[in-house]
Amino acid sequence: MKGACQLLGLDPLNVANEGKALIVCPANQCDTILPLLQAHPFARDAHILGTVHETPVDTVLLETLIGGERFVDIPDGEMLPRIC
Protein backbone atom coordinates (compact mmCIF):
# COMPACT_ATOMS: atom_id res chain seq x y z
CA MET A 1 0.00 0.00 0.00
CA LYS A 2 2.85 2.37 0.84
CA GLY A 3 4.30 2.12 -2.67
CA ALA A 4 0.92 2.64 -4.34
CA CYS A 5 0.22 5.71 -2.20
CA GLN A 6 3.63 7.18 -3.02
CA LEU A 7 3.11 6.51 -6.73
CA LEU A 8 -0.34 8.14 -6.71
CA GLY A 9 0.55 10.96 -4.30
CA LEU A 10 -1.96 9.81 -1.66
CA ASP A 11 -1.67 9.96 2.11
CA PRO A 12 -2.15 6.39 3.46
CA LEU A 13 -3.86 7.85 6.55
CA ASN A 14 -6.72 9.03 4.31
CA VAL A 15 -7.24 5.84 2.29
CA ALA A 16 -9.94 3.31 3.25
CA ASN A 17 -8.48 0.15 4.77
CA GLU A 18 -11.07 -2.49 5.55
CA GLY A 19 -10.59 -5.22 8.11
CA LYS A 20 -8.72 -3.13 10.66
CA ALA A 21 -9.68 -2.17 14.20
CA LEU A 22 -8.47 0.51 16.56
CA ILE A 23 -8.91 -0.27 20.24
CA VAL A 24 -8.49 2.46 22.83
CA CYS A 25 -7.92 1.28 26.39
CA PRO A 26 -6.35 2.52 29.62
CA ALA A 27 -2.56 2.30 29.51
CA ASN A 28 -2.47 0.06 32.59
CA GLN A 29 -4.51 -2.59 30.71
CA CYS A 30 -2.31 -2.82 27.58
CA ASP A 31 -0.18 -5.65 28.99
CA THR A 32 -3.35 -7.69 29.50
CA ILE A 33 -5.23 -6.85 26.29
CA LEU A 34 -2.42 -7.04 23.72
CA PRO A 35 -1.49 -10.72 24.31
CA LEU A 36 -5.18 -11.65 24.16
CA LEU A 37 -5.47 -9.99 20.77
CA GLN A 38 -2.24 -11.52 19.46
CA ALA A 39 -3.49 -14.99 20.44
CA HIS A 40 -6.21 -14.72 17.78
CA PRO A 41 -5.12 -15.62 14.22
CA PHE A 42 -6.67 -12.46 12.74
CA ALA A 43 -4.85 -10.20 15.22
CA ARG A 44 -1.46 -11.86 15.58
CA ASP A 45 0.20 -8.70 14.24
CA ALA A 46 -1.59 -6.42 16.75
CA HIS A 47 0.60 -3.84 18.44
CA ILE A 48 0.42 -0.56 20.32
CA LEU A 49 0.26 2.40 17.96
CA GLY A 50 0.44 5.30 20.35
CA THR A 51 -0.77 7.01 23.47
CA VAL A 52 -3.45 9.54 24.28
CA HIS A 53 -2.57 12.56 26.42
CA GLU A 54 -4.86 15.13 27.99
CA THR A 55 -2.97 18.09 26.49
CA PRO A 56 -2.67 19.34 23.83
CA VAL A 57 -6.15 18.27 22.84
CA ASP A 58 -6.04 19.23 19.17
CA THR A 59 -2.68 17.80 18.08
CA VAL A 60 -1.79 14.39 16.67
CA LEU A 61 1.90 13.60 16.21
CA LEU A 62 3.12 10.77 14.00
CA GLU A 63 6.55 9.23 14.53
CA THR A 64 8.29 8.94 11.16
CA LEU A 65 10.34 5.98 9.94
CA ILE A 66 13.56 7.86 10.68
CA GLY A 67 12.51 8.70 14.25
CA GLY A 68 11.28 12.25 13.75
CA GLU A 69 7.76 13.50 14.39
CA ARG A 70 5.25 15.26 12.18
CA PHE A 71 1.80 16.69 12.74
CA VAL A 72 -1.10 14.70 11.29
CA ASP A 73 -3.24 17.21 9.42
CA ILE A 74 -7.02 17.19 9.33
CA PRO A 75 -7.98 15.74 5.92
CA ASP A 76 -8.87 18.42 3.41
CA GLY A 77 -11.21 17.95 0.48
CA GLU A 78 -13.13 14.81 -0.37
CA MET A 79 -12.24 11.42 1.06
CA LEU A 80 -11.46 8.76 -1.51
CA PRO A 81 -14.46 6.58 -2.35
CA ARG A 82 -14.47 2.97 -1.21
CA ILE A 83 -14.14 0.51 -4.06
CA CYS A 84 -16.21 -2.56 -3.23
PDB file of N, CA and C in Angstrom:
ATOM      1  N   MET A   1       0.816  -1.184   0.000  1.00  0.00           N
ATOM      2  CA  MET A   1       0.000   0.000   0.000  1.00  0.00           C
ATOM      3  C   MET A   1       0.865   1.256   0.000  1.00  0.00           C
ATOM      4  N   LYS A   2       1.975   1.203   0.746  1.00  0.00           N
ATOM      5  CA  LYS A   2       2.848   2.365   0.841  1.00  0.00           C
ATOM      6  C   LYS A   2       3.346   2.784  -0.542  1.00  0.00           C
ATOM      7  N   GLY A   3       3.788   1.816  -1.329  1.00  0.00           N
ATOM      8  CA  GLY A   3       4.298   2.118  -2.666  1.00  0.00           C
ATOM      9  C   GLY A   3       3.225   2.697  -3.571  1.00  0.00           C
ATOM     10  N   ALA A   4       2.017   2.138  -3.510  1.00  0.00           N
ATOM     11  CA  ALA A   4       0.921   2.636  -4.341  1.00  0.00           C
ATOM     12  C   ALA A   4       0.562   4.068  -3.953  1.00  0.00           C
ATOM     13  N   CYS A   5       0.539   4.346  -2.658  1.00  0.00           N
ATOM     14  CA  CYS A   5       0.225   5.707  -2.199  1.00  0.00           C
ATOM     15  C   CYS A   5       1.290   6.694  -2.649  1.00  0.00           C
ATOM     16  N   GLN A   6       2.555   6.294  -2.572  1.00  0.00           N
ATOM     17  CA  GLN A   6       3.626   7.182  -3.020  1.00  0.00           C
ATOM     18  C   GLN A   6       3.516   7.433  -4.519  1.00  0.00           C
ATOM     19  N   LEU A   7       3.228   6.388  -5.274  1.00  0.00           N
ATOM     20  CA  LEU A   7       3.108   6.508  -6.729  1.00  0.00           C
ATOM     21  C   LEU A   7       1.965   7.441  -7.119  1.00  0.00           C
ATOM     22  N   LEU A   8       0.839   7.353  -6.383  1.00  0.00           N
ATOM     23  CA  LEU A   8      -0.340   8.143  -6.715  1.00  0.00           C
ATOM     24  C   LEU A   8      -0.410   9.464  -5.961  1.00  0.00           C
ATOM     25  N   GLY A   9       0.543   9.726  -5.063  1.00  0.00           N
ATOM     26  CA  GLY A   9       0.545  10.965  -4.299  1.00  0.00           C
ATOM     27  C   GLY A   9      -0.554  11.025  -3.247  1.00  0.00           C
ATOM     28  N   LEU A  10      -0.903   9.872  -2.671  1.00  0.00           N
ATOM     29  CA  LEU A  10      -1.960   9.812  -1.660  1.00  0.00           C
ATOM     30  C   LEU A  10      -1.358   9.650  -0.269  1.00  0.00           C
ATOM     31  N   ASP A  11      -2.078  10.138   0.720  1.00  0.00           N
ATOM     32  CA  ASP A  11      -1.671   9.960   2.113  1.00  0.00           C
ATOM     33  C   ASP A  11      -2.323   8.674   2.613  1.00  0.00           C
ATOM     34  N   PRO A  12      -1.543   7.659   3.023  1.00  0.00           N
ATOM     35  CA  PRO A  12      -2.145   6.390   3.457  1.00  0.00           C
ATOM     36  C   PRO A  12      -3.065   6.544   4.669  1.00  0.00           C
ATOM     37  N   LEU A  13      -2.952   7.636   5.427  1.00  0.00           N
ATOM     38  CA  LEU A  13      -3.856   7.848   6.553  1.00  0.00           C
ATOM     39  C   LEU A  13      -5.259   8.233   6.097  1.00  0.00           C
ATOM     40  N   ASN A  14      -5.412   8.602   4.824  1.00  0.00           N
ATOM     41  CA  ASN A  14      -6.716   9.027   4.306  1.00  0.00           C
ATOM     42  C   ASN A  14      -7.307   8.041   3.304  1.00  0.00           C
ATOM     43  N   VAL A  15      -6.759   6.843   3.228  1.00  0.00           N
ATOM     44  CA  VAL A  15      -7.243   5.838   2.291  1.00  0.00           C
ATOM     45  C   VAL A  15      -7.990   4.768   3.080  1.00  0.00           C
ATOM     46  N   ALA A  16      -9.155   4.349   2.571  1.00  0.00           N
ATOM     47  CA  ALA A  16      -9.937   3.311   3.253  1.00  0.00           C
ATOM     48  C   ALA A  16      -9.113   2.031   3.368  1.00  0.00           C
ATOM     49  N   ASN A  17      -9.220   1.377   4.507  1.00  0.00           N
ATOM     50  CA  ASN A  17      -8.480   0.146   4.765  1.00  0.00           C
ATOM     51  C   ASN A  17      -9.384  -0.765   5.577  1.00  0.00           C
ATOM     52  N   GLU A  18     -10.092  -1.638   4.884  1.00  0.00           N
ATOM     53  CA  GLU A  18     -11.070  -2.492   5.551  1.00  0.00           C
ATOM     54  C   GLU A  18     -10.387  -3.614   6.320  1.00  0.00           C
ATOM     55  N   GLY A  19     -11.084  -4.096   7.334  1.00  0.00           N
ATOM     56  CA  GLY A  19     -10.590  -5.224   8.107  1.00  0.00           C
ATOM     57  C   GLY A  19      -9.629  -4.840   9.208  1.00  0.00           C
ATOM     58  N   LYS A  20      -9.607  -3.596   9.591  1.00  0.00           N
ATOM     59  CA  LYS A  20      -8.722  -3.125  10.661  1.00  0.00           C
ATOM     60  C   LYS A  20      -9.566  -2.633  11.824  1.00  0.00           C
ATOM     61  N   ALA A  21      -9.000  -2.666  13.009  1.00  0.00           N
ATOM     62  CA  ALA A  21      -9.685  -2.170  14.199  1.00  0.00           C
ATOM     63  C   ALA A  21      -8.715  -1.337  15.021  1.00  0.00           C
ATOM     64  N   LEU A  22      -9.231  -0.319  15.640  1.00  0.00           N
ATOM     65  CA  LEU A  22      -8.468   0.509  16.555  1.00  0.00           C
ATOM     66  C   LEU A  22      -9.135   0.392  17.916  1.00  0.00           C
ATOM     67  N   ILE A  23      -8.386  -0.081  18.889  1.00  0.00           N
ATOM     68  CA  ILE A  23      -8.913  -0.270  20.236  1.00  0.00           C
ATOM     69  C   ILE A  23      -8.232   0.732  21.153  1.00  0.00           C
ATOM     70  N   VAL A  24      -9.020   1.492  21.869  1.00  0.00           N
ATOM     71  CA  VAL A  24      -8.487   2.459  22.831  1.00  0.00           C
ATOM     72  C   VAL A  24      -8.791   1.917  24.223  1.00  0.00           C
ATOM     73  N   CYS A  25      -7.751   1.820  25.042  1.00  0.00           N
ATOM     74  CA  CYS A  25      -7.924   1.281  26.390  1.00  0.00           C
ATOM     75  C   CYS A  25      -6.997   2.023  27.354  1.00  0.00           C
ATOM     76  N   PRO A  26      -7.260   1.901  28.642  1.00  0.00           N
ATOM     77  CA  PRO A  26      -6.355   2.517  29.619  1.00  0.00           C
ATOM     78  C   PRO A  26      -4.950   1.916  29.505  1.00  0.00           C
ATOM     79  N   ALA A  27      -3.945   2.748  29.660  1.00  0.00           N
ATOM     80  CA  ALA A  27      -2.556   2.296  29.507  1.00  0.00           C
ATOM     81  C   ALA A  27      -2.213   1.148  30.442  1.00  0.00           C
ATOM     82  N   ASN A  28      -2.805   1.124  31.642  1.00  0.00           N
ATOM     83  CA  ASN A  28      -2.469   0.062  32.590  1.00  0.00           C
ATOM     84  C   ASN A  28      -3.090  -1.282  32.224  1.00  0.00           C
ATOM     85  N   GLN A  29      -3.910  -1.339  31.150  1.00  0.00           N
ATOM     86  CA  GLN A  29      -4.506  -2.592  30.707  1.00  0.00           C
ATOM     87  C   GLN A  29      -3.872  -3.136  29.424  1.00  0.00           C
ATOM     88  N   CYS A  30      -2.934  -2.395  28.839  1.00  0.00           N
ATOM     89  CA  CYS A  30      -2.309  -2.822  27.578  1.00  0.00           C
ATOM     90  C   CYS A  30      -1.609  -4.171  27.701  1.00  0.00           C
ATOM     91  N   ASP A  31      -0.914  -4.391  28.811  1.00  0.00           N
ATOM     92  CA  ASP A  31      -0.180  -5.646  28.986  1.00  0.00           C
ATOM     93  C   ASP A  31      -1.109  -6.845  29.104  1.00  0.00           C
ATOM     94  N   THR A  32      -2.360  -6.619  29.423  1.00  0.00           N
ATOM     95  CA  THR A  32      -3.346  -7.695  29.496  1.00  0.00           C
ATOM     96  C   THR A  32      -4.040  -7.891  28.150  1.00  0.00           C
ATOM     97  N   ILE A  33      -4.425  -6.798  27.516  1.00  0.00           N
ATOM     98  CA  ILE A  33      -5.226  -6.849  26.295  1.00  0.00           C
ATOM     99  C   ILE A  33      -4.412  -7.277  25.077  1.00  0.00           C
ATOM    100  N   LEU A  34      -3.209  -6.752  24.921  1.00  0.00           N
ATOM    101  CA  LEU A  34      -2.419  -7.035  23.724  1.00  0.00           C
ATOM    102  C   LEU A  34      -2.146  -8.527  23.524  1.00  0.00           C
ATOM    103  N   PRO A  35      -1.697  -9.281  24.526  1.00  0.00           N
ATOM    104  CA  PRO A  35      -1.491 -10.723  24.313  1.00  0.00           C
ATOM    105  C   PRO A  35      -2.782 -11.468  23.964  1.00  0.00           C
ATOM    106  N   LEU A  36      -3.903 -11.022  24.507  1.00  0.00           N
ATOM    107  CA  LEU A  36      -5.177 -11.652  24.162  1.00  0.00           C
ATOM    108  C   LEU A  36      -5.492 -11.456  22.681  1.00  0.00           C
ATOM    109  N   LEU A  37      -5.260 -10.252  22.193  1.00  0.00           N
ATOM    110  CA  LEU A  37      -5.474  -9.988  20.766  1.00  0.00           C
ATOM    111  C   LEU A  37      -4.525 -10.811  19.903  1.00  0.00           C
ATOM    112  N   GLN A  38      -3.244 -10.819  20.262  1.00  0.00           N
ATOM    113  CA  GLN A  38      -2.240 -11.516  19.462  1.00  0.00           C
ATOM    114  C   GLN A  38      -2.450 -13.024  19.446  1.00  0.00           C
ATOM    115  N   ALA A  39      -3.201 -13.559  20.412  1.00  0.00           N
ATOM    116  CA  ALA A  39      -3.489 -14.991  20.440  1.00  0.00           C
ATOM    117  C   ALA A  39      -4.500 -15.390  19.365  1.00  0.00           C
ATOM    118  N   HIS A  40      -5.227 -14.430  18.832  1.00  0.00           N
ATOM    119  CA  HIS A  40      -6.213 -14.716  17.783  1.00  0.00           C
ATOM    120  C   HIS A  40      -5.518 -14.648  16.423  1.00  0.00           C
ATOM    121  N   PRO A  41      -5.809 -15.603  15.522  1.00  0.00           N
ATOM    122  CA  PRO A  41      -5.125 -15.618  14.217  1.00  0.00           C
ATOM    123  C   PRO A  41      -5.298 -14.332  13.405  1.00  0.00           C
ATOM    124  N   PHE A  42      -6.453 -13.677  13.522  1.00  0.00           N
ATOM    125  CA  PHE A  42      -6.674 -12.457  12.741  1.00  0.00           C
ATOM    126  C   PHE A  42      -5.964 -11.248  13.326  1.00  0.00           C
ATOM    127  N   ALA A  43      -5.472 -11.350  14.561  1.00  0.00           N
ATOM    128  CA  ALA A  43      -4.855 -10.197  15.223  1.00  0.00           C
ATOM    129  C   ALA A  43      -3.443 -10.500  15.698  1.00  0.00           C
ATOM    130  N   ARG A  44      -2.802 -11.494  15.116  1.00  0.00           N
ATOM    131  CA  ARG A  44      -1.458 -11.863  15.583  1.00  0.00           C
ATOM    132  C   ARG A  44      -0.439 -10.746  15.391  1.00  0.00           C
ATOM    133  N   ASP A  45      -0.707  -9.820  14.476  1.00  0.00           N
ATOM    134  CA  ASP A  45       0.202  -8.695  14.239  1.00  0.00           C
ATOM    135  C   ASP A  45      -0.208  -7.443  15.019  1.00  0.00           C
ATOM    136  N   ALA A  46      -1.131  -7.576  15.966  1.00  0.00           N
ATOM    137  CA  ALA A  46      -1.590  -6.423  16.751  1.00  0.00           C
ATOM    138  C   ALA A  46      -0.433  -5.828  17.538  1.00  0.00           C
ATOM    139  N   HIS A  47      -0.422  -4.515  17.640  1.00  0.00           N
ATOM    140  CA  HIS A  47       0.596  -3.845  18.444  1.00  0.00           C
ATOM    141  C   HIS A  47       0.088  -2.475  18.881  1.00  0.00           C
ATOM    142  N   ILE A  48       0.802  -1.873  19.798  1.00  0.00           N
ATOM    143  CA  ILE A  48       0.425  -0.555  20.321  1.00  0.00           C
ATOM    144  C   ILE A  48       0.886   0.509  19.335  1.00  0.00           C
ATOM    145  N   LEU A  49      -0.049   1.363  18.939  1.00  0.00           N
ATOM    146  CA  LEU A  49       0.255   2.402  17.959  1.00  0.00           C
ATOM    147  C   LEU A  49       0.647   3.723  18.588  1.00  0.00           C
ATOM    148  N   GLY A  50       0.138   4.005  19.763  1.00  0.00           N
ATOM    149  CA  GLY A  50       0.435   5.302  20.351  1.00  0.00           C
ATOM    150  C   GLY A  50      -0.219   5.463  21.704  1.00  0.00           C
ATOM    151  N   THR A  51      -0.193   6.682  22.177  1.00  0.00           N
ATOM    152  CA  THR A  51      -0.767   7.009  23.468  1.00  0.00           C
ATOM    153  C   THR A  51      -1.638   8.252  23.337  1.00  0.00           C
ATOM    154  N   VAL A  52      -2.577   8.377  24.240  1.00  0.00           N
ATOM    155  CA  VAL A  52      -3.454   9.538  24.283  1.00  0.00           C
ATOM    156  C   VAL A  52      -3.078  10.348  25.517  1.00  0.00           C
ATOM    157  N   HIS A  53      -2.918  11.640  25.323  1.00  0.00           N
ATOM    158  CA  HIS A  53      -2.575  12.557  26.418  1.00  0.00           C
ATOM    159  C   HIS A  53      -3.667  13.596  26.562  1.00  0.00           C
ATOM    160  N   GLU A  54      -3.820  14.124  27.757  1.00  0.00           N
ATOM    161  CA  GLU A  54      -4.857  15.133  27.987  1.00  0.00           C
ATOM    162  C   GLU A  54      -4.568  16.429  27.256  1.00  0.00           C
ATOM    163  N   THR A  55      -3.310  16.840  27.171  1.00  0.00           N
ATOM    164  CA  THR A  55      -2.973  18.090  26.488  1.00  0.00           C
ATOM    165  C   THR A  55      -1.796  17.844  25.565  1.00  0.00           C
ATOM    166  N   PRO A  56      -1.665  18.484  24.448  1.00  0.00           N
ATOM    167  CA  PRO A  56      -2.666  19.342  23.829  1.00  0.00           C
ATOM    168  C   PRO A  56      -3.791  18.515  23.223  1.00  0.00           C
ATOM    169  N   VAL A  57      -4.988  19.035  23.249  1.00  0.00           N
ATOM    170  CA  VAL A  57      -6.153  18.267  22.842  1.00  0.00           C
ATOM    171  C   VAL A  57      -6.388  18.261  21.334  1.00  0.00           C
ATOM    172  N   ASP A  58      -5.757  19.137  20.604  1.00  0.00           N
ATOM    173  CA  ASP A  58      -6.040  19.233  19.171  1.00  0.00           C
ATOM    174  C   ASP A  58      -4.837  18.879  18.300  1.00  0.00           C
ATOM    175  N   THR A  59      -3.892  18.113  18.821  1.00  0.00           N
ATOM    176  CA  THR A  59      -2.678  17.796  18.079  1.00  0.00           C
ATOM    177  C   THR A  59      -2.462  16.290  18.033  1.00  0.00           C
ATOM    178  N   VAL A  60      -2.168  15.795  16.835  1.00  0.00           N
ATOM    179  CA  VAL A  60      -1.790  14.394  16.674  1.00  0.00           C
ATOM    180  C   VAL A  60      -0.408  14.377  16.046  1.00  0.00           C
ATOM    181  N   LEU A  61       0.544  13.716  16.720  1.00  0.00           N
ATOM    182  CA  LEU A  61       1.902  13.603  16.208  1.00  0.00           C
ATOM    183  C   LEU A  61       2.133  12.175  15.714  1.00  0.00           C
ATOM    184  N   LEU A  62       2.795  12.060  14.583  1.00  0.00           N
ATOM    185  CA  LEU A  62       3.119  10.768  13.997  1.00  0.00           C
ATOM    186  C   LEU A  62       4.632  10.609  14.021  1.00  0.00           C
ATOM    187  N   GLU A  63       5.116   9.499  14.552  1.00  0.00           N
ATOM    188  CA  GLU A  63       6.553   9.233  14.531  1.00  0.00           C
ATOM    189  C   GLU A  63       6.918   8.702  13.153  1.00  0.00           C
ATOM    190  N   THR A  64       7.890   9.322  12.509  1.00  0.00           N
ATOM    191  CA  THR A  64       8.287   8.936  11.160  1.00  0.00           C
ATOM    192  C   THR A  64       9.218   7.726  11.193  1.00  0.00           C
ATOM    193  N   LEU A  65       9.466   7.156  10.031  1.00  0.00           N
ATOM    194  CA  LEU A  65      10.337   5.983   9.935  1.00  0.00           C
ATOM    195  C   LEU A  65      11.757   6.275  10.398  1.00  0.00           C
ATOM    196  N   ILE A  66      12.190   7.531  10.283  1.00  0.00           N
ATOM    197  CA  ILE A  66      13.564   7.858  10.682  1.00  0.00           C
ATOM    198  C   ILE A  66      13.638   8.398  12.110  1.00  0.00           C
ATOM    199  N   GLY A  67      12.503   8.317  12.847  1.00  0.00           N
ATOM    200  CA  GLY A  67      12.512   8.699  14.251  1.00  0.00           C
ATOM    201  C   GLY A  67      12.091  10.118  14.545  1.00  0.00           C
ATOM    202  N   GLY A  68      11.770  10.886  13.526  1.00  0.00           N
ATOM    203  CA  GLY A  68      11.276  12.246  13.755  1.00  0.00           C
ATOM    204  C   GLY A  68       9.785  12.228  14.036  1.00  0.00           C
ATOM    205  N   GLU A  69       9.199  13.382  14.176  1.00  0.00           N
ATOM    206  CA  GLU A  69       7.763  13.504  14.391  1.00  0.00           C
ATOM    207  C   GLU A  69       7.197  14.515  13.413  1.00  0.00           C
ATOM    208  N   ARG A  70       5.943  14.279  13.012  1.00  0.00           N
ATOM    209  CA  ARG A  70       5.246  15.256  12.181  1.00  0.00           C
ATOM    210  C   ARG A  70       3.800  15.338  12.635  1.00  0.00           C
ATOM    211  N   PHE A  71       3.202  16.502  12.418  1.00  0.00           N
ATOM    212  CA  PHE A  71       1.802  16.694  12.741  1.00  0.00           C
ATOM    213  C   PHE A  71       0.951  15.944  11.732  1.00  0.00           C
ATOM    214  N   VAL A  72      -0.129  15.321  12.184  1.00  0.00           N
ATOM    215  CA  VAL A  72      -1.101  14.702  11.288  1.00  0.00           C
ATOM    216  C   VAL A  72      -2.177  15.746  11.038  1.00  0.00           C
ATOM    217  N   ASP A  73      -2.286  16.163   9.788  1.00  0.00           N
ATOM    218  CA  ASP A  73      -3.235  17.211   9.424  1.00  0.00           C
ATOM    219  C   ASP A  73      -4.652  16.664   9.325  1.00  0.00           C
ATOM    220  N   ILE A  74      -5.621  17.531   9.561  1.00  0.00           N
ATOM    221  CA  ILE A  74      -7.015  17.187   9.327  1.00  0.00           C
ATOM    222  C   ILE A  74      -7.185  17.026   7.824  1.00  0.00           C
ATOM    223  N   PRO A  75      -7.818  15.938   7.370  1.00  0.00           N
ATOM    224  CA  PRO A  75      -7.979  15.742   5.920  1.00  0.00           C
ATOM    225  C   PRO A  75      -8.706  16.924   5.292  1.00  0.00           C
ATOM    226  N   ASP A  76      -8.210  17.345   4.135  1.00  0.00           N
ATOM    227  CA  ASP A  76      -8.872  18.419   3.410  1.00  0.00           C
ATOM    228  C   ASP A  76      -9.462  17.859   2.121  1.00  0.00           C
ATOM    229  N   GLY A  77     -10.561  18.412   1.705  1.00  0.00           N
ATOM    230  CA  GLY A  77     -11.205  17.949   0.483  1.00  0.00           C
ATOM    231  C   GLY A  77     -11.998  16.674   0.703  1.00  0.00           C
ATOM    232  N   GLU A  78     -12.315  16.014  -0.390  1.00  0.00           N
ATOM    233  CA  GLU A  78     -13.128  14.806  -0.365  1.00  0.00           C
ATOM    234  C   GLU A  78     -12.288  13.593  -0.004  1.00  0.00           C
ATOM    235  N   MET A  79     -12.882  12.696   0.783  1.00  0.00           N
ATOM    236  CA  MET A  79     -12.235  11.419   1.060  1.00  0.00           C
ATOM    237  C   MET A  79     -12.342  10.557  -0.195  1.00  0.00           C
ATOM    238  N   LEU A  80     -11.404   9.654  -0.371  1.00  0.00           N
ATOM    239  CA  LEU A  80     -11.457   8.761  -1.514  1.00  0.00           C
ATOM    240  C   LEU A  80     -12.628   7.804  -1.359  1.00  0.00           C
ATOM    241  N   PRO A  81     -13.337   7.517  -2.459  1.00  0.00           N
ATOM    242  CA  PRO A  81     -14.461   6.585  -2.349  1.00  0.00           C
ATOM    243  C   PRO A  81     -13.977   5.166  -2.113  1.00  0.00           C
ATOM    244  N   ARG A  82     -14.779   4.383  -1.420  1.00  0.00           N
ATOM    245  CA  ARG A  82     -14.466   2.974  -1.213  1.00  0.00           C
ATOM    246  C   ARG A  82     -14.784   2.224  -2.488  1.00  0.00           C
ATOM    247  N   ILE A  83     -13.936   1.324  -2.865  1.00  0.00           N
ATOM    248  CA  ILE A  83     -14.143   0.510  -4.058  1.00  0.00           C
ATOM    249  C   ILE A  83     -14.487  -0.894  -3.584  1.00  0.00           C
ATOM    250  N   CYS A  84     -15.753  -1.243  -3.696  1.00  0.00           N
ATOM    251  CA  CYS A  84     -16.208  -2.564  -3.232  1.00  0.00           C
ATOM    252  C   CYS A  84     -16.868  -3.310  -4.356  1.00  0.00           C
TER     253      CYS A  84
END
